Amino acid sequence: MNENIMYLDKIINVVIDRPLGSSHPKYPKHIYPVNYGYVPNTISGDGKELDCFVLGEYEPVNKYKGKCIAIIHRFNDNDDKLVIVPENINYTNTEIRTLTNFQERFFESEIIRSSNYLEFSKNIPELTVTNLENSLKFYKTVGFKVEYDRPENKFVFISLGEIQFMLQENSDNEKWEVAKLTYPFGNGINFQLEVENVNKIYDNLKNNNYKIAFDIEENWYRQGNQLLGNKEFLVQDPDGYLLRFSEDLGEKEI
């Protein structure tokens, strides 16, 4: 576990040694578009103080007090960065990436958030299911995790990376139902879900005796003058919803 997790959601005092608009001490052409500093009396992996990006402060300052909402953990360096913001402001992972890219583009990293952080997608399908327990068993086999639930409503919110679904067990007084549901649910649509390791999901489903609707294969789809590659397979969940798990294979010219 990352030892700097202790700072998440805490109010942190930061000394700013590279104010907004200043240049890097070794690389004068490298200008800081945000305030950048460190937490005094700490030791980071590089033997120096723990560094911080301060976001949401639009004037150069020499000190700052704010909330730590994230840690940028570098894979190819031993120098983590805290992300500090005003107490009443939050930033998505995408926004953090954008605002720190001036420096973090030189490194491979992940953004670590507190366990109660959830970044909602802009498009979250809600699937009506006949038996929530059976559906959860399937989706957990795939690798989804439960973010939160409402047992009294037989409702769960699940995620796999940036993929998100809501599952709601059908009831006699379902207010969103516009017609009688018959198997397969969602007939005429498939959900393309981009994942990092499609083989792992395929093997998990096969090993748990779930029937694969369309076996795993590589497909290339034309976009203008190039082809976009996907390694993919399709499977139906217990209610017949068709899921297309896809791994990006990159691009090639036609």
Protein backbone atom coordinates (compact mmCIF):
# COMPACT_ATOMS: atom_id res chain seq x y z
CA MET A 1 0.00 0.00 0.00
CA ASN A 2 1.23 3.49 -0.83
CA GLU A 3 2.40 5.14 2.40
CA ASN A 4 1.20 8.55 1.23
CA ILE A 5 -2.46 7.46 1.34
CA MET A 6 -2.47 8.88 4.87
CA TYR A 7 -2.65 12.37 3.34
CA LEU A 8 -5.83 11.77 1.31
CA ASP A 9 -8.79 13.93 2.42
CA LYS A 10 -6.55 15.74 4.95
CA ILE A 11 -5.93 19.48 5.19
CA ILE A 12 -2.29 20.08 4.26
CA ASN A 13 0.01 23.06 4.73
CA VAL A 14 2.19 23.56 1.66
CA VAL A 15 5.30 25.71 1.16
CA ILE A 16 5.30 27.01 -2.43
CA ASP A 17 8.82 27.18 -3.84
CA ARG A 18 7.75 27.33 -7.51
CA PRO A 19 4.85 29.79 -7.76
CA LEU A 20 2.49 29.96 -10.70
CA GLY A 21 4.34 31.58 -13.62
CA SER A 22 7.82 30.78 -12.32
CA SER A 23 10.40 28.69 -14.16
CA HIS A 24 12.05 25.43 -13.17
CA PRO A 25 15.39 26.06 -11.41
CA LYS A 26 17.25 23.71 -13.78
CA TYR A 27 15.17 24.17 -16.92
CA PRO A 28 14.27 27.86 -17.34
CA LYS A 29 12.01 27.22 -20.34
CA HIS A 30 9.82 25.00 -18.13
CA ILE A 31 7.17 27.39 -16.75
CA TYR A 32 4.79 26.36 -13.97
CA PRO A 33 1.10 26.96 -14.88
CA VAL A 34 0.10 26.07 -11.29
CA ASN A 35 1.58 26.68 -7.87
CA TYR A 36 4.00 23.91 -6.93
CA GLY A 37 5.57 23.21 -3.58
CA TYR A 38 6.17 20.70 -0.82
CA VAL A 39 4.97 19.56 2.60
CA PRO A 40 7.56 20.64 5.19
CA ASN A 41 9.07 18.06 7.55
CA THR A 42 8.31 15.12 5.25
CA ILE A 43 10.50 12.74 3.28
CA SER A 44 9.51 11.45 -0.14
CA GLY A 45 10.95 8.52 -2.08
CA ASP A 46 13.66 10.72 -3.57
CA GLY A 47 14.90 11.74 -0.11
CA LYS A 48 13.45 15.25 -0.35
CA GLU A 49 10.19 16.75 0.90
CA LEU A 50 6.91 15.44 -0.50
CA ASP A 51 5.95 17.56 -3.51
CA CYS A 52 2.53 19.05 -4.23
CA PHE A 53 0.57 20.44 -7.14
CA VAL A 54 -1.81 23.16 -5.95
CA LEU A 55 -4.87 23.41 -8.20
CA GLY A 56 -7.67 25.98 -8.04
CA GLU A 57 -5.47 28.86 -6.89
CA TYR A 58 -5.03 31.34 -9.73
CA GLU A 59 -2.51 33.74 -8.23
CA PRO A 60 1.13 33.03 -7.33
CA VAL A 61 1.49 32.37 -3.59
CA ASN A 62 4.33 31.41 -1.26
CA LYS A 63 2.30 29.18 1.03
CA TYR A 64 -1.03 27.39 0.83
CA LYS A 65 -3.45 25.43 3.00
CA GLY A 66 -5.82 23.07 1.24
CA LYS A 67 -7.26 19.58 0.94
CA CYS A 68 -5.37 16.64 -0.55
CA ILE A 69 -7.73 14.95 -3.03
CA ALA A 70 -5.31 12.69 -4.89
CA ILE A 71 -1.82 11.25 -5.14
CA ILE A 72 0.04 10.98 -8.44
CA HIS A 73 2.09 7.81 -8.06
CA ARG A 74 4.85 7.46 -10.63
CA PHE A 75 5.80 4.00 -11.84
CA ASN A 76 9.16 5.01 -13.33
CA ASP A 77 10.23 7.39 -10.56
CA ASN A 78 10.17 7.29 -6.76
CA ASP A 79 8.72 10.76 -6.27
CA ASP A 80 4.95 10.87 -5.58
CA LYS A 81 3.02 14.13 -5.88
CA LEU A 82 0.08 15.25 -3.75
CA VAL A 83 -2.76 17.15 -5.41
CA ILE A 84 -3.97 19.98 -3.17
CA VAL A 85 -7.12 22.03 -3.81
CA PRO A 86 -9.42 24.48 -1.95
CA GLU A 87 -11.61 22.66 0.58
CA ASN A 88 -14.85 23.19 -1.36
CA ILE A 89 -13.55 22.19 -4.81
CA ASN A 90 -12.94 18.79 -6.40
CA TYR A 91 -11.31 17.73 -9.65
CA THR A 92 -11.84 14.62 -11.76
CA ASN A 93 -8.91 12.41 -12.70
CA THR A 94 -9.12 13.75 -16.25
CA GLU A 95 -8.89 17.33 -15.00
CA ILE A 96 -5.93 16.45 -12.77
CA ARG A 97 -4.18 14.83 -15.73
CA THR A 98 -4.77 17.90 -17.88
CA LEU A 99 -3.58 20.42 -15.28
CA THR A 100 -0.42 18.47 -14.34
CA ASN A 101 0.47 17.21 -17.81
CA PHE A 102 3.08 19.98 -18.26
CA GLN A 103 5.30 17.95 -15.92
CA GLU A 104 3.74 14.50 -15.58
CA ARG A 105 3.86 13.80 -19.33
CA PHE A 106 7.46 12.73 -18.83
CA PHE A 107 6.44 9.92 -16.45
CA GLU A 108 4.17 6.88 -16.29
CA SER A 109 1.82 7.16 -13.35
CA GLU A 110 -1.51 6.39 -11.75
CA ILE A 111 -3.85 8.64 -9.79
CA ILE A 112 -4.73 7.32 -6.35
CA ARG A 113 -7.94 8.55 -4.72
CA SER A 114 -9.60 7.86 -1.38
CA SER A 115 -11.67 4.68 -1.13
CA ASN A 116 -14.95 6.63 -1.10
CA TYR A 117 -14.17 8.54 -4.30
CA LEU A 118 -16.36 7.74 -7.29
CA GLU A 119 -16.10 9.53 -10.61
CA PHE A 120 -19.40 9.11 -12.42
CA SER A 121 -19.39 8.49 -16.16
CA LYS A 122 -21.48 10.73 -18.41
CA ASN A 123 -23.40 7.70 -19.69
CA ILE A 124 -24.41 5.02 -17.16
CA PRO A 125 -26.84 2.34 -18.40
CA GLU A 126 -29.32 1.01 -15.85
CA LEU A 127 -30.16 -2.62 -16.55
CA THR A 128 -33.36 -4.18 -15.27
CA VAL A 129 -32.57 -7.76 -14.16
CA THR A 130 -34.76 -10.66 -13.09
CA ASN A 131 -32.53 -11.84 -10.24
CA LEU A 132 -29.98 -9.44 -8.77
CA GLU A 133 -27.98 -12.18 -7.05
CA ASN A 134 -27.49 -14.10 -10.31
CA SER A 135 -26.55 -10.94 -12.18
CA LEU A 136 -24.01 -9.93 -9.54
CA LYS A 137 -22.39 -13.36 -9.68
CA PHE A 138 -21.93 -12.92 -13.44
CA TYR A 139 -20.59 -9.37 -13.30
CA LYS A 140 -18.21 -10.16 -10.43
CA THR A 141 -16.86 -13.07 -12.49
CA VAL A 142 -16.09 -10.54 -15.21
CA GLY A 143 -14.25 -8.36 -12.68
CA PHE A 144 -16.82 -5.71 -11.77
CA LYS A 145 -16.94 -4.46 -8.19
CA VAL A 146 -19.86 -3.03 -6.22
CA GLU A 147 -19.42 0.68 -5.59
CA TYR A 148 -22.58 1.04 -3.53
CA ASP A 149 -25.98 -0.56 -3.16
CA ARG A 150 -29.51 -0.01 -1.90
CA PRO A 151 -30.64 -3.43 -0.62
CA GLU A 152 -34.13 -2.18 0.14
CA ASN A 153 -34.55 -1.43 -3.58
CA LYS A 154 -32.53 -4.42 -4.83
CA PHE A 155 -30.21 -1.97 -6.59
CA VAL A 156 -26.42 -1.93 -7.05
CA PHE A 157 -23.96 0.36 -8.78
CA ILE A 158 -21.02 -1.58 -10.27
CA SER A 159 -17.84 -0.61 -12.07
CA LEU A 160 -14.92 -2.10 -13.98
CA GLY A 161 -12.28 0.57 -14.50
CA GLU A 162 -14.18 3.42 -16.16
CA ILE A 163 -17.12 1.17 -17.17
CA GLN A 164 -20.20 1.65 -14.98
CA PHE A 165 -23.59 -0.04 -14.79
CA MET A 166 -26.59 0.21 -12.51
CA LEU A 167 -28.48 -3.04 -11.88
CA GLN A 168 -32.07 -2.99 -10.60
CA GLU A 169 -34.10 -6.14 -9.94
CA ASN A 170 -37.44 -6.01 -11.71
CA SER A 171 -40.58 -5.49 -9.63
CA ASP A 172 -44.31 -5.33 -10.27
CA ASN A 173 -44.36 -1.56 -9.72
CA GLU A 174 -41.36 -0.72 -11.90
CA LYS A 175 -42.10 2.86 -12.99
CA TRP A 176 -39.57 2.94 -15.85
CA GLU A 177 -41.05 -0.08 -17.64
CA VAL A 178 -42.61 0.93 -20.97
CA ALA A 179 -43.38 -2.59 -22.20
CA LYS A 180 -43.35 -6.17 -20.92
CA LEU A 181 -39.80 -7.52 -20.65
CA THR A 182 -39.04 -10.76 -22.46
CA TYR A 183 -35.77 -12.64 -22.86
CA PRO A 184 -33.32 -11.60 -24.20
CA PHE A 185 -33.48 -8.21 -22.49
CA GLY A 186 -31.99 -5.35 -24.52
CA ASN A 187 -32.60 -7.12 -27.82
CA GLY A 188 -31.09 -5.09 -30.65
CA ILE A 189 -28.26 -3.48 -28.72
CA ASN A 190 -24.80 -4.53 -27.55
CA PHE A 191 -22.60 -2.67 -25.10
CA GLN A 192 -19.00 -2.32 -26.28
CA LEU A 193 -16.83 -2.31 -23.16
CA GLU A 194 -13.14 -1.48 -23.59
CA VAL A 195 -10.93 -3.42 -21.16
CA GLU A 196 -7.20 -3.84 -20.60
CA ASN A 197 -7.06 -7.66 -20.74
CA VAL A 198 -9.82 -9.26 -22.77
CA ASN A 199 -8.28 -12.75 -22.50
CA LYS A 200 -8.53 -12.69 -18.70
CA ILE A 201 -12.26 -11.88 -18.79
CA TYR A 202 -12.85 -14.49 -21.51
CA ASP A 203 -11.08 -17.19 -19.47
CA ASN A 204 -12.92 -16.25 -16.25
CA LEU A 205 -16.28 -16.62 -17.98
CA LYS A 206 -15.36 -19.89 -19.71
CA ASN A 207 -13.99 -21.36 -16.48
CA ASN A 208 -17.28 -20.52 -14.74
CA ASN A 209 -19.34 -22.16 -17.50
CA TYR A 210 -20.84 -19.00 -19.00
CA LYS A 211 -21.71 -19.46 -22.66
CA ILE A 212 -19.82 -17.22 -25.09
CA ALA A 213 -22.14 -15.81 -27.77
CA PHE A 214 -19.43 -14.88 -30.31
CA ASP A 215 -15.94 -16.28 -29.76
CA ILE A 216 -12.84 -14.15 -29.29
CA GLU A 217 -11.32 -12.70 -32.49
CA GLU A 218 -9.46 -9.72 -33.90
CA ASN A 219 -11.42 -7.20 -35.96
CA TRP A 220 -10.28 -4.08 -37.78
CA TYR A 221 -12.73 -1.26 -38.48
CA ARG A 222 -12.13 1.52 -40.99
CA GLN A 223 -12.08 5.12 -39.83
CA GLY A 224 -11.22 7.37 -42.75
CA ASN A 225 -7.84 6.20 -44.11
CA GLN A 226 -6.88 4.03 -41.16
CA LEU A 227 -8.00 0.85 -39.46
CA LEU A 228 -8.77 0.61 -35.74
CA GLY A 229 -8.09 -2.79 -34.21
CA ASN A 230 -10.01 -4.60 -31.49
CA LYS A 231 -9.60 -8.03 -29.93
CA GLU A 232 -13.12 -8.85 -28.79
CA PHE A 233 -15.80 -11.36 -27.92
CA LEU A 234 -19.49 -11.17 -27.06
CA VAL A 235 -21.35 -12.77 -24.19
CA GLN A 236 -24.90 -12.49 -22.86
CA ASP A 237 -25.46 -11.82 -19.17
CA PRO A 238 -28.09 -13.90 -17.30
CA ASP A 239 -30.90 -11.75 -18.71
CA GLY A 240 -29.61 -11.77 -22.26
CA TYR A 241 -28.02 -8.31 -22.38
CA LEU A 242 -25.28 -8.56 -25.02
CA LEU A 243 -21.85 -7.39 -23.87
CA ARG A 244 -18.93 -6.94 -26.26
CA PHE A 245 -15.64 -6.93 -24.35
CA SER A 246 -12.95 -5.29 -26.45
CA GLU A 247 -9.20 -4.70 -26.10
CA ASP A 248 -7.58 -1.95 -28.17
CA LEU A 249 -5.03 -3.22 -30.73
CA GLY A 250 -4.01 0.19 -32.04
CA GLU A 251 -4.16 1.60 -35.55
CA LYS A 252 -2.75 0.86 -38.98
CA GLU A 253 -2.89 2.55 -42.35
CA ILE A 254 -5.09 1.11 -45.11
